[in-house]
Protein backbone atom coordinates (compact mmCIF):
# COMPACT_ATOMS: atom_id res chain seq x y z
CA MET A 1 8.58 1.51 8.62
CA ALA A 2 8.16 0.21 4.59
CA GLU A 3 11.38 1.09 3.56
CA LYS A 4 13.59 -0.31 6.00
CA ASN A 5 11.49 -3.56 5.91
CA PHE A 6 10.00 -4.17 2.44
CA SER A 7 12.59 -1.97 0.07
CA PRO A 8 9.83 -0.11 -2.04
CA CYS A 9 9.94 1.27 -5.06
CA ARG A 10 7.12 3.21 -4.83
CA ALA A 11 4.46 3.89 -2.13
CA ILE A 12 1.03 5.42 -2.36
CA LEU A 13 -1.64 6.95 0.08
CA PHE A 14 -5.03 6.39 -1.35
CA GLY A 15 -8.38 6.93 -0.05
CA SER A 16 -10.09 9.53 2.52
CA ARG A 17 -6.52 10.63 4.03
CA ALA A 18 -5.18 11.33 0.17
CA LYS A 19 -8.40 13.35 -1.14
CA GLY A 20 -8.20 15.24 2.39
CA LYS A 21 -11.71 13.67 3.40
CA SER A 22 -10.61 11.73 5.87
CA LYS A 23 -12.28 11.86 9.97
CA LYS A 24 -10.94 11.51 12.91
CA ASP A 25 -11.27 7.57 12.54
CA SER A 26 -10.46 7.07 9.57
CA ASP A 27 -7.77 4.66 8.28
CA TYR A 28 -4.87 5.11 6.25
CA ASP A 29 -4.77 3.15 2.77
CA PHE A 30 -1.18 2.58 1.22
CA ILE A 31 -0.31 0.38 -1.49
CA LEU A 32 3.73 -0.41 -1.25
CA ILE A 33 5.07 -1.97 -4.23
CA SER A 34 8.37 -3.93 -4.14
CA PRO A 35 10.20 -6.52 -5.97
CA ARG A 36 11.20 -8.07 -2.39
CA PHE A 37 7.76 -9.18 -2.40
CA ARG A 38 8.22 -11.60 -5.29
CA LYS A 39 9.69 -14.20 -3.05
CA TRP A 40 6.12 -14.48 -0.57
CA GLU A 41 2.98 -15.25 -1.44
CA TRP A 42 -0.02 -12.59 -1.33
CA GLU A 43 -0.77 -13.66 2.65
CA GLU A 44 2.79 -13.78 3.54
CA ARG A 45 3.70 -10.46 2.33
CA THR A 46 0.46 -9.18 3.84
CA ALA A 47 0.86 -10.54 7.46
CA ARG A 48 4.33 -9.05 7.14
CA ALA A 49 3.11 -5.49 6.11
CA TYR A 50 1.24 -5.42 9.22
CA HIS A 51 3.78 -6.64 11.61
CA ALA A 52 5.87 -4.27 10.45
CA LYS A 53 3.40 -2.20 11.15
CA ARG A 54 2.51 -3.26 14.63
CA ASP A 55 4.23 -0.26 16.87
CA ILE A 56 2.36 2.41 15.09
CA PRO A 57 -0.54 3.66 16.91
CA ALA A 58 -2.71 3.83 13.33
CA ALA A 59 -5.55 1.99 11.47
CA MET A 60 -4.22 1.10 8.48
CA ASP A 61 -4.85 -1.16 5.49
CA ILE A 62 -1.98 -2.36 3.21
CA ILE A 63 -1.94 -3.51 -0.54
CA CYS A 64 1.49 -5.33 -0.94
CA LEU A 65 2.11 -5.73 -4.77
CA THR A 66 5.32 -6.21 -7.01
CA PRO A 67 6.16 -4.23 -9.76
CA GLU A 68 4.52 -7.10 -11.95
CA GLU A 69 1.03 -6.77 -10.17
CA PHE A 70 1.07 -3.81 -10.02
CA GLU A 71 1.90 -2.70 -13.75
CA ILE A 72 -1.31 -5.76 -14.50
CA LYS A 73 -3.41 -4.04 -11.64
CA LYS A 74 -3.25 -0.66 -12.14
CA LYS A 75 -4.54 -1.06 -15.99
CA GLN A 76 -7.84 -3.00 -14.63
CA ILE A 77 -10.85 -1.04 -12.94
CA GLY A 78 -11.01 -1.42 -9.14
CA ILE A 79 -9.06 0.01 -6.63
CA ILE A 80 -5.38 -0.05 -7.78
CA GLN A 81 -6.47 1.86 -10.79
CA GLU A 82 -8.38 4.54 -8.28
CA ALA A 83 -5.62 4.59 -6.04
CA VAL A 84 -3.06 5.43 -8.89
CA ARG A 85 -5.42 8.17 -10.21
CA GLU A 86 -6.38 9.65 -7.26
CA GLY A 87 -3.63 8.61 -4.76
CA ILE A 88 -0.37 10.68 -3.39
CA ASN A 89 2.40 9.17 -4.36
CA ILE A 90 4.58 9.21 -1.07
CA LEU A 91 7.45 7.27 -2.29
């Protein structure tokens, strides 16, 4: 889904699935980093990501960042920094 639509340079799985603490109904939390996101505002890239995953029968939260946004946000206290520290690089 992500590779075909967004050509991400990095993808991170984070949250309970990455920590091995998921339950049956836990969602999948992803950060996708792609230079292609530069051409879309936040809402547009998020909408495109959710549209691309529409045929996948699993609940997902997807954060879409440009490489520049990711470099800034990974240094700030918050979910991105936690994902970098505790997540799994899947791409």
